[in-house]
Each structure stands twice: as structure tokens, then as C-alpha cells.
Protein backbone atom coordinates (compact mmCIF):
# COMPACT_ATOMS: atom_id res chain seq x y z
CA UNK A 1 -145.32 167.37 -25.95
CA UNK A 2 -146.89 169.39 -23.14
CA UNK A 3 -146.25 173.07 -22.45
CA UNK A 4 -147.51 174.56 -19.19
CA UNK A 5 -147.69 178.35 -19.28
CA UNK A 6 -147.49 180.94 -16.48
CA UNK A 7 -146.96 178.55 -13.60
CA UNK A 8 -146.06 179.84 -10.16
CA UNK A 9 -143.33 177.63 -8.72
CA UNK A 10 -142.89 177.04 -5.00
CA UNK A 11 -140.16 179.70 -4.88
CA UNK A 12 -142.64 182.30 -6.16
CA UNK A 13 -141.17 182.64 -9.66
CA UNK A 14 -143.47 182.48 -12.70
CA UNK A 15 -142.24 180.08 -15.38
CA UNK A 16 -143.29 177.97 -18.33
CA UNK A 17 -142.40 174.28 -18.51
CA UNK A 18 -141.91 172.20 -21.65
CA UNK A 19 -142.30 168.44 -21.31
CA UNK A 20 -141.22 166.04 -24.05
CA UNK A 21 -140.64 162.28 -24.14
CA UNK A 22 -141.56 162.04 -20.47
CA UNK A 23 -139.01 164.56 -19.27
CA UNK A 24 -138.83 168.22 -18.36
CA UNK A 25 -136.79 169.70 -21.21
CA UNK A 26 -137.16 173.44 -20.62
CA UNK A 27 -138.06 175.79 -17.75
CA UNK A 28 -138.28 179.52 -18.48
CA UNK A 29 -140.36 181.83 -20.63
CA UNK A 30 -141.38 179.83 -23.70
CA UNK A 31 -142.74 181.53 -26.83
CA UNK A 32 -144.90 178.58 -27.90
CA UNK A 33 -148.51 178.33 -26.73
CA UNK A 34 -149.68 175.75 -24.23
CA UNK A 35 -151.97 175.04 -21.27
CA UNK A 36 -152.54 178.30 -19.40
CA UNK A 37 -151.80 177.93 -15.69
CA UNK A 38 -152.00 181.55 -14.57
CA UNK A 39 -152.37 181.83 -10.79
CA UNK A 40 -151.82 178.08 -10.37
CA UNK A 41 -149.06 176.56 -8.25
CA UNK A 42 -146.61 174.10 -9.82
CA UNK A 43 -145.20 171.51 -7.41
CA UNK A 44 -143.18 168.35 -7.68
CA UNK A 45 -145.62 165.44 -7.97
CA UNK A 46 -146.98 164.39 -4.59
CA UNK A 47 -145.63 161.24 -2.92
CA UNK A 48 -147.59 159.32 -0.29
CA UNK A 49 -145.43 157.21 2.05
CA UNK A 50 -148.46 155.45 3.54
CA UNK A 51 -151.29 154.04 1.40
CA UNK A 52 -153.45 150.93 1.72
CA UNK A 53 -154.43 149.53 -1.69
CA UNK A 54 -155.99 146.30 -0.34
CA UNK A 55 -154.98 144.17 -3.33
CA UNK A 56 -154.45 141.24 -3.20
CA UNK A 57 -157.18 139.91 -0.93
CA UNK A 58 -159.55 142.78 -0.21
CA UNK A 59 -160.54 143.97 -3.67
CA UNK A 60 -164.08 144.82 -2.52
CA UNK A 61 -162.54 147.76 -0.66
CA UNK A 62 -159.89 148.90 -3.16
CA UNK A 63 -157.65 147.67 -5.96
CA UNK A 64 -154.31 148.92 -7.15
CA UNK A 65 -156.11 150.41 -10.16
CA UNK A 66 -158.85 152.20 -8.19
CA UNK A 67 -156.33 153.37 -5.61
CA UNK A 68 -154.12 154.70 -8.39
CA UNK A 69 -157.09 156.62 -9.78
CA UNK A 70 -157.70 158.17 -6.37
CA UNK A 71 -154.00 159.00 -6.13
CA UNK A 72 -153.95 160.72 -9.53
CA UNK A 73 -157.05 162.72 -8.59
CA UNK A 74 -155.28 163.81 -5.41
CA UNK A 75 -152.15 164.97 -7.24
CA UNK A 76 -150.01 161.95 -6.37
CA UNK A 77 -147.45 160.63 -8.82
CA UNK A 78 -146.11 157.99 -6.42
CA UNK A 79 -147.64 156.05 -3.56
CA UNK A 80 -146.16 153.49 -1.17
CA UNK A 81 -148.46 150.50 -0.67
CA UNK A 82 -148.61 148.94 2.80
CA UNK A 83 -148.11 145.22 3.26
CA UNK A 84 -151.33 144.24 5.08
CA UNK A 85 -152.86 142.41 2.12
CA UNK A 86 -153.95 138.76 1.83
CA UNK A 87 -151.55 137.12 1.30
CA UNK A 88 -149.32 139.52 3.20
CA UNK A 89 -146.63 141.26 1.18
CA UNK A 90 -143.86 139.53 3.12
CA UNK A 91 -142.07 137.97 0.15
CA UNK A 92 -140.90 138.95 -3.32
CA UNK A 93 -143.75 137.13 -5.12
CA UNK A 94 -146.48 139.27 -3.54
CA UNK A 95 -144.30 142.38 -3.70
CA UNK A 96 -143.71 141.97 -7.42
CA UNK A 97 -147.41 141.28 -8.05
CA UNK A 98 -148.35 144.61 -6.44
CA UNK A 99 -145.54 146.33 -8.34
CA UNK A 100 -146.73 144.88 -11.66
CA UNK A 101 -150.34 145.88 -10.98
CA UNK A 102 -149.13 149.43 -10.43
CA UNK A 103 -147.27 149.36 -13.72
CA UNK A 104 -150.37 148.06 -15.49
CA UNK A 105 -152.52 150.83 -14.01
CA UNK A 106 -150.00 153.41 -15.22
CA UNK A 107 -151.49 156.32 -13.28
CA UNK A 108 -148.76 156.74 -10.67
CA UNK A 109 -145.73 154.84 -9.46
CA UNK A 110 -146.75 152.18 -6.93
CA UNK A 111 -143.88 151.33 -4.59
CA UNK A 112 -144.67 148.28 -2.44
CA UNK A 113 -143.74 148.32 1.23
CA UNK A 114 -142.56 144.97 2.56
CA UNK A 115 -143.72 143.44 5.81
CA UNK A 116 -141.23 143.39 8.69
CA UNK A 117 -142.45 140.07 10.07
CA UNK A 118 -143.91 137.00 8.40
CA UNK A 119 -147.67 137.29 8.13
CA UNK A 120 -147.53 140.49 10.24
CA UNK A 121 -147.55 138.15 13.24
CA UNK A 122 -144.60 139.74 15.03
CA UNK A 123 -142.91 136.38 15.63
CA UNK A 124 -140.28 136.00 12.92
CA UNK A 125 -138.62 138.40 10.51
CA UNK A 126 -139.76 138.30 6.91
CA UNK A 127 -137.10 137.87 4.21
CA UNK A 128 -136.21 141.55 4.05
CA UNK A 129 -133.13 141.04 1.88
CA UNK A 130 -135.15 139.07 -0.69
CA UNK A 131 -137.71 141.88 -1.01
CA UNK A 132 -135.04 144.56 -1.23
CA UNK A 133 -133.41 142.76 -4.15
CA UNK A 134 -136.70 142.09 -5.98
CA UNK A 135 -137.71 143.92 -9.15
CA UNK A 136 -139.61 146.36 -6.92
CA UNK A 137 -136.40 147.26 -5.02
CA UNK A 138 -138.21 147.63 -1.71
CA UNK A 139 -136.56 150.13 0.63
CA UNK A 140 -139.26 150.56 3.28
CA UNK A 141 -140.65 147.86 5.56
CA UNK A 142 -143.64 148.05 7.90
CA UNK A 143 -146.14 145.89 9.75
CA UNK A 144 -148.54 148.87 9.73
CA UNK A 145 -151.79 147.97 11.40
CA UNK A 146 -149.68 146.01 13.85
CA UNK A 147 -146.78 147.20 15.98
CA UNK A 148 -143.46 145.36 15.87
CA UNK A 149 -143.72 145.00 19.62
CA UNK A 150 -140.93 142.53 20.32
CA UNK A 151 -137.84 144.60 21.07
CA UNK A 152 -135.37 142.01 19.81
CA UNK A 153 -137.24 141.56 16.53
CA UNK A 154 -137.33 145.31 16.00
CA UNK A 155 -133.60 145.50 16.61
CA UNK A 156 -133.00 142.68 14.11
CA UNK A 157 -135.16 144.45 11.53
CA UNK A 158 -133.22 147.69 11.94
CA UNK A 159 -129.94 145.84 11.49
CA UNK A 160 -131.27 144.16 8.34
CA UNK A 161 -132.37 147.38 6.65
CA UNK A 162 -129.12 149.09 7.59
CA UNK A 163 -127.28 146.69 5.27
CA UNK A 164 -128.77 148.38 2.20
CA UNK A 165 -129.84 151.77 3.52
CA UNK A 166 -133.50 150.85 3.97
CA UNK A 167 -135.91 152.02 6.65
CA UNK A 168 -138.36 150.44 9.11
CA UNK A 169 -141.68 152.31 9.34
CA UNK A 170 -143.17 151.60 12.75
CA UNK A 171 -146.85 151.58 13.73
CA UNK A 172 -146.20 152.81 17.29
CA UNK A 173 -148.79 151.13 19.48
CA UNK A 174 -148.07 149.05 22.56
CA UNK A 175 -150.74 146.35 22.20
CA UNK A 176 -150.73 145.59 25.92
CA UNK A 177 -152.06 149.10 26.60
CA UNK A 178 -154.72 149.18 23.87
CA UNK A 179 -156.69 145.97 24.37
CA UNK A 180 -160.24 146.70 23.23
CA UNK A 181 -159.43 150.39 22.69
CA UNK A 182 -161.96 152.25 20.55
CA UNK A 183 -160.99 155.93 20.73
CA UNK A 184 -158.64 158.39 22.44
CA UNK A 185 -158.43 157.97 26.21
CA UNK A 186 -159.91 160.92 28.06
CA UNK A 187 -163.10 162.64 29.13
CA UNK A 188 -164.94 162.01 25.85
CA UNK A 189 -164.23 158.27 25.99
CA UNK A 190 -165.51 158.19 29.57
CA UNK A 191 -168.62 160.11 28.55
CA UNK A 192 -169.34 157.72 25.67
CA UNK A 193 -168.49 154.56 27.57
CA UNK A 194 -165.81 153.53 25.06
CA UNK A 195 -162.49 151.95 25.98
CA UNK A 196 -159.77 154.58 25.83
CA UNK A 197 -156.55 154.51 23.80
CA UNK A 198 -153.79 156.13 25.90
CA UNK A 199 -151.20 158.41 24.36
CA UNK A 200 -148.44 156.59 26.23
CA UNK A 201 -149.09 153.48 24.11
CA UNK A 202 -147.72 155.43 21.14
CA UNK A 203 -145.10 157.50 22.88
CA UNK A 204 -143.22 154.73 24.68
CA UNK A 205 -142.81 152.70 21.49
CA UNK A 206 -141.41 155.75 19.70
CA UNK A 207 -138.95 156.30 22.54
CA UNK A 208 -137.88 152.65 22.62
CA UNK A 209 -137.40 152.46 18.86
CA UNK A 210 -135.53 155.74 18.73
CA UNK A 211 -133.04 154.25 21.19
CA UNK A 212 -132.79 151.10 19.06
CA UNK A 213 -132.16 153.23 15.97
CA UNK A 214 -129.45 155.08 17.86
CA UNK A 215 -127.81 151.85 18.98
CA UNK A 216 -127.93 150.21 15.53
CA UNK A 217 -127.29 153.32 13.44
CA UNK A 218 -130.29 152.40 11.27
CA UNK A 219 -133.10 154.50 9.82
CA UNK A 220 -136.46 154.62 11.63
CA UNK A 221 -139.70 156.17 10.39
CA UNK A 222 -142.72 156.76 12.62
CA UNK A 223 -146.08 156.26 10.92
CA UNK A 224 -149.09 158.49 11.63
CA UNK A 225 -147.86 160.43 14.68
CA UNK A 226 -150.85 161.62 16.72
CA UNK A 227 -149.89 163.00 20.15
CA UNK A 228 -148.17 166.08 21.49
CA UNK A 229 -146.01 163.81 23.63
CA UNK A 230 -145.01 161.84 20.54
CA UNK A 231 -143.88 165.05 18.87
CA UNK A 232 -141.68 165.78 21.89
CA UNK A 233 -140.10 162.32 21.75
CA UNK A 234 -139.27 162.68 18.05
CA UNK A 235 -137.90 166.17 18.67
CA UNK A 236 -135.64 164.76 21.41
CA UNK A 237 -134.46 161.95 19.13
CA UNK A 238 -133.59 164.33 16.30
CA UNK A 239 -131.67 166.54 18.70
CA UNK A 240 -129.62 163.45 19.61
CA UNK A 241 -128.75 162.90 15.96
CA UNK A 242 -130.82 159.73 15.65
CA UNK A 243 -131.87 158.84 12.09
CA UNK A 244 -135.60 159.24 12.64
CA UNK A 245 -138.36 160.68 10.46
CA UNK A 246 -142.06 161.01 11.15
CA UNK A 247 -145.30 161.56 9.27
CA UNK A 248 -148.66 163.03 10.20
CA UNK A 249 -151.97 162.33 8.49
CA UNK A 250 -154.43 164.96 7.22
CA UNK A 251 -157.11 163.70 9.60
CA UNK A 252 -154.89 164.00 12.67
CA UNK A 253 -154.15 167.60 11.70
CA UNK A 254 -157.78 168.55 11.14
CA UNK A 255 -160.21 166.30 13.03
CA UNK A 256 -160.64 165.68 16.76
CA UNK A 257 -162.10 163.08 19.11
CA UNK A 258 -165.24 165.20 19.56
CA UNK A 259 -166.52 163.78 16.26
CA UNK A 260 -166.81 160.36 17.89
CA UNK A 261 -169.85 161.64 19.81
CA UNK A 262 -171.84 160.96 16.62
CA UNK A 263 -170.93 157.24 16.89
CA UNK A 264 -170.41 157.40 13.11
CA UNK A 265 -167.85 154.67 12.30
CA UNK A 266 -166.35 156.86 9.57
CA UNK A 267 -164.44 158.54 12.42
CA UNK A 268 -163.07 155.28 13.78
CA UNK A 269 -159.39 155.18 12.89
CA UNK A 270 -156.15 153.62 14.11
CA UNK A 271 -154.47 155.46 15.79
CA UNK A 272 -157.52 157.38 17.00
CA UNK A 273 -158.46 161.00 16.55
CA UNK A 274 -156.98 162.94 19.46
CA UNK A 275 -157.60 166.40 20.97
CA UNK A 276 -157.40 169.92 19.59
CA UNK A 277 -154.24 170.43 21.65
CA UNK A 278 -152.67 167.41 19.95
CA UNK A 279 -153.62 168.86 16.56
CA UNK A 280 -151.84 172.09 17.44
CA UNK A 281 -148.74 170.22 18.61
CA UNK A 282 -148.68 168.21 15.38
CA UNK A 283 -148.89 171.34 13.26
CA UNK A 284 -146.13 172.96 15.32
CA UNK A 285 -144.02 169.83 14.79
CA UNK A 286 -144.64 170.02 11.06
CA UNK A 287 -143.64 173.68 11.03
CA UNK A 288 -140.36 173.22 12.89
CA UNK A 289 -139.31 170.08 11.03
CA UNK A 290 -139.85 167.60 13.86
CA UNK A 291 -142.49 165.98 11.67
CA UNK A 292 -141.11 165.59 8.16
CA UNK A 293 -144.02 164.79 5.92
CA UNK A 294 -147.67 164.10 5.26
CA UNK A 295 -148.81 160.48 4.93
CA UNK A 296 -152.44 159.92 4.05
CA UNK A 297 -152.91 156.48 5.66
CA UNK A 298 -155.57 156.07 2.94
CA UNK A 299 -157.53 153.12 4.37
CA UNK A 300 -160.54 152.19 2.24
CA UNK A 301 -163.14 149.76 3.57
CA UNK A 302 -166.21 148.24 1.98
CA UNK A 303 -169.64 149.18 3.29
CA UNK A 304 -169.89 145.79 4.96
CA UNK A 305 -166.94 146.67 7.21
CA UNK A 306 -167.93 150.27 7.95
CA UNK A 307 -171.73 150.47 7.82
CA UNK A 308 -172.33 148.84 11.19
CA UNK A 309 -172.28 149.67 14.90
CA UNK A 310 -169.16 151.46 16.15
CA UNK A 311 -167.65 148.56 18.14
CA UNK A 312 -167.70 146.19 15.15
CA UNK A 313 -166.62 148.67 12.47
CA UNK A 314 -163.16 148.51 10.90
CA UNK A 315 -160.59 151.18 11.65
CA UNK A 316 -159.66 153.56 8.82
CA UNK A 317 -160.70 156.37 6.50
CA UNK A 318 -160.02 157.62 2.97
CA UNK A 319 -157.35 160.24 2.40
CA UNK A 320 -155.70 160.40 -1.02
CA UNK A 321 -158.07 162.76 -2.83
CA UNK A 322 -158.49 165.34 -0.06
CA UNK A 323 -154.97 165.44 1.43
CA UNK A 324 -153.63 168.40 -0.55
CA UNK A 325 -156.74 170.50 0.08
CA UNK A 326 -156.46 169.85 3.82
CA UNK A 327 -152.74 170.66 3.87
CA UNK A 328 -153.54 173.87 1.97
CA UNK A 329 -156.06 174.81 4.65
CA UNK A 330 -153.89 174.12 7.70
CA UNK A 331 -150.60 175.33 6.23
CA UNK A 332 -151.18 177.98 3.55
CA UNK A 333 -154.58 179.49 4.31
CA UNK A 334 -153.75 179.71 8.00
CA UNK A 335 -150.52 181.54 7.21
CA UNK A 336 -148.49 178.94 9.09
CA UNK A 337 -146.28 178.03 6.13
CA UNK A 338 -145.42 178.73 2.50
CA UNK A 339 -145.40 176.77 -0.77
CA UNK A 340 -141.78 175.71 -0.35
CA UNK A 341 -142.66 173.97 2.91
CA UNK A 342 -145.84 172.57 1.36
CA UNK A 343 -143.75 170.97 -1.40
CA UNK A 344 -141.21 169.60 1.09
CA UNK A 345 -143.95 168.00 3.18
CA UNK A 346 -145.98 166.40 0.41
CA UNK A 347 -143.36 165.78 -2.29
CA UNK A 348 -139.66 166.09 -1.61
CA UNK A 349 -139.25 164.49 1.83
CA UNK A 350 -141.50 161.46 1.23
CA UNK A 351 -139.72 160.85 -2.09
CA UNK A 352 -136.39 160.84 -0.28
CA UNK A 353 -137.73 158.53 2.44
CA UNK A 354 -138.88 155.96 -0.11
CA UNK A 355 -135.77 156.30 -2.28
CA UNK A 356 -137.74 157.46 -5.33
CA UNK A 357 -135.11 159.28 -7.37
CA UNK A 358 -137.53 160.29 -10.16
CA UNK A 359 -139.84 162.12 -7.78
CA UNK A 360 -139.71 165.27 -5.68
CA UNK A 361 -137.87 167.30 -8.33
CA UNK A 362 -138.72 169.96 -10.88
CA UNK A 363 -135.67 170.62 -13.03
CA UNK A 364 -134.52 170.14 -16.60
CA UNK A 365 -133.54 166.57 -17.42
CA UNK A 366 -135.66 164.76 -14.84
CA UNK A 367 -138.81 162.72 -15.31
CA UNK A 368 -141.87 164.98 -15.51
CA UNK A 369 -143.83 164.15 -12.35
CA UNK A 370 -145.73 167.35 -11.61
CA UNK A 371 -148.81 168.50 -9.73
CA UNK A 372 -150.58 171.75 -10.57
CA UNK A 373 -152.61 173.07 -7.65
CA UNK A 374 -155.39 175.65 -7.79
CA UNK A 375 -155.31 177.56 -4.46
CA UNK A 376 -158.39 179.64 -5.24
CA UNK A 377 -161.18 177.29 -6.29
CA UNK A 378 -163.64 175.81 -3.80
CA UNK A 379 -164.26 172.08 -3.99
CA UNK A 380 -166.78 169.88 -2.21
CA UNK A 381 -165.61 166.53 -0.92
CA UNK A 382 -168.56 164.86 -2.63
CA UNK A 383 -166.70 165.48 -5.89
CA UNK A 384 -163.84 163.26 -4.70
CA UNK A 385 -164.99 159.77 -5.57
CA UNK A 386 -162.33 157.73 -7.38
CA UNK A 387 -161.91 155.15 -4.59
CA UNK A 388 -164.05 152.01 -4.55
CA UNK A 389 -164.93 152.77 -0.93
CA UNK A 390 -166.90 155.62 0.59
CA UNK A 391 -165.59 155.84 4.19
CA UNK A 392 -164.73 159.51 3.73
CA UNK A 393 -164.79 161.55 6.96
CA UNK A 394 -164.96 164.86 5.07
CA UNK A 395 -168.25 164.33 3.22
CA UNK A 396 -170.35 167.47 3.44
CA UNK A 397 -167.30 169.68 3.82
CA UNK A 398 -165.84 172.11 1.30
CA UNK A 399 -162.23 173.18 0.93
CA UNK A 400 -160.62 176.07 -0.89
CA UNK A 401 -157.88 174.68 -3.07
CA UNK A 402 -157.78 171.60 -5.25
CA UNK A 403 -155.53 169.70 -7.58
CA UNK A 404 -156.06 170.95 -11.13
CA UNK A 405 -153.67 168.74 -13.11
CA UNK A 406 -151.48 165.73 -12.39
CA UNK A 407 -148.68 164.76 -14.77
CA UNK A 408 -146.95 161.41 -14.35
CA UNK A 409 -144.03 160.40 -16.57
CA UNK A 410 -144.82 163.31 -18.86
CA UNK A 411 -148.50 162.47 -19.39
CA UNK A 412 -151.65 163.95 -17.88
CA UNK A 413 -153.22 161.44 -15.51
CA UNK A 414 -155.66 164.03 -14.18
CA UNK A 415 -156.64 167.14 -16.06
CA UNK A 416 -159.07 169.60 -14.48
CA UNK A 417 -160.75 166.98 -12.26
CA UNK A 418 -160.92 164.31 -14.97
CA UNK A 419 -158.82 161.20 -14.27
CA UNK A 420 -157.40 159.75 -17.44
CA UNK A 421 -156.42 156.10 -17.67
CA UNK A 422 -153.20 155.83 -19.63
CA UNK A 423 -153.99 152.37 -20.89
């Protein structure tokens, strides 16, 4: 049994919570003693709709176990694992292997995401129905890292997921406009002599797919939105009643293309870091509900893939352990939002997107998946080190606010910065 005392919930009320047999059994003022959480914020366990765990195939960069440790340290009780593994998670055998590895790790719920096309090649649909009926009950499908560029294939995919209420998560990038692209298109790219990545490559795919979602009546999710124009397209689509959701990453809220001047490959990411104006538009979209949620796009890479010259380095950066601290900075510390919105963005909405019924809730009778956040304590990013990889763009920075405790299925998986294996 766990009793958490003097928690501040997202609605501002101060409560105690009793957890027994994996469930929340009491919320109120409890006479019994327990873990004191005075001045700490109690939130539904965080859910990441966009994580790369690299297993199978790229275990030098990350494994399901090490990624789960990073997730627990970051306050996550559920993460959705992208399909760009080797072999690709485009069939129930690979899907169930990833699912089982998550169960063995026992530190958070690992929900596999199925590939939209076989081998992520964009030529033929994967067996979406087979993956949806697997033990993992896949509801989200994505070729992330690659855009489903063929319009007819994308339409077929949307029709397939509509049959069971699933969703296609699109990596919006027209490949014909980004050949050799290394960073955001603009003055900085010209200055550095790097091939630019135009905003229109993202925005026109979002517009096309929104129209396909409207025509099919299916659900569409936009991964890692990065441009002000993209925000406007999603806003237009929502106003039309189209079933579209969107996510933004911590790094696209906080970092800008100016960092590329260092030529440090840690800042090389797909889609690229954009401008300060884009950052502002993304935050505004998050505030008004155009952007629904935070997705870390946690993309670990081994030193071999990152510690090299910019042009040859892999795209991607770490995100699980620092995401909540960054969201606290841009949303709470700035005064832009409150804890209710914070919880919606990082817990409730991503849980709904992925169909995770046991997540995103704090009420009596539900599974105890809880994150306790300390909004006062300063933490250095160097202390965030559960991933196997070190491509962390925030090294050297400090944030105010950190995850204090993570509780998954009624057990501490992280308690005051110490990750606890449940095995």
C-alpha cells in the first residue's frame, strides 16, 4: 500500500491518495501517515505518443528496457514505440515482441505503433488489421521517419484504420522538397552553406492529409508539428470538423535554428529546428488547443552515429527525461498556462489518442498511474542519464521543476530521482 500525503492536484485542491493492489482506492484527507508531498503537484501519469526505443535492431542506441528507464525517470507511465526498428514493426510478430519486452521491463506500459507500409518503403500497405487484432491491440500506425507520400496509399491507410477506430500518425514531409536537406530553410542555412528544409514541405502534406481525413471520415494525427504555417493548417482543419490531432516536441518549443551555427550534430533533428517565430506560433497553438499534446520524439543514437561531422550525423535527439521540465518552463513558469492544461497536454490527450484506458485519469477505482512533479527544485540536465545514448541537446542547461516520483500500476518506478526496476 502507498499513501501520498498533501498532494496538490491539477485543479488546485490538496488531497491525499491511497493506493492498494495497483489501484487508487481513496482520495481525500486520510488519517494514516504516508509519503509527504507538500507543495508537489500530482498529475495523471505522463503518456508519450512518440518514442523511438530502437529494439529490435539498434540496441546499441537504446533498448526497450533502457528506454523504459528513461521514461520512468521522466514521469511517463506509458510510451508509444515507433515502428522504425529492424525488422520493421509492420507485422504482429515484431509488434508482439516489442509489447512483451515492455511487459518484461515493467517500468511503464509500452504500446507499439505499427508501420503503415511494409518495410516503411511507402509502396504497399502493411497488414494493419493483423496488428490491430494482435495481443498488443495496436491502434496507432505510422511510418515516422518517412512520410506516407503516396496519396492513394495514405487514403487506403485511413480507410483501414477507420474500420476499428484507429489513427494514422503522419510524418509530414514531402520528400521531393527535402532532398539533401540538413536544417531549416532560411538565412541561417544560407549563411552556413547547408541545404535548407522548407516549411512548405511539411505544410502541404498536412493540408493534403487533412482533406483525405475529411473525405474518409478517419482519424489523422500529425507528428512533431514545427511551423507557424502548419499550425494554421491544423487550425483550419479543426474548424472544418476534420478528425485531426497534432503534437509538438519539447525541442521545437524551446530550441531554434540558431543553435546549428555550432555545427554540433546534437542539434540535427528531423524535422529541423525552426525559428523563434515558429516557436511562438507553436506555443500559441498549444494554448488554444490547435496542438493537442506533447510528443517527445525521443530519438536516441549511439556515439558512432552522432559523434561525426554534421552532414553524416543521424537525425534525432533525446527527450523523455527532460520533457516535463521543459513544458513546465514554457507553460507554467511563463504564465502561459495552468496545471490543468499541463495535465491535458502530457497525460490525458495522448492517452486518449493511443486508446490507453488505464492512463490519463486520477480517480477512485482506476489503475494507479501517477506522476508527482516538484515545481520548485532546480535540476541539471547532466543528472538525466537513464538512456543508453547521450545525444542530449540540453546538456549544460538547468531547469526549475522535475519529476519527483513516478507510480506505475500502483508501484514506484521512480522515487526522488532513483529509478527502480520492478523485476
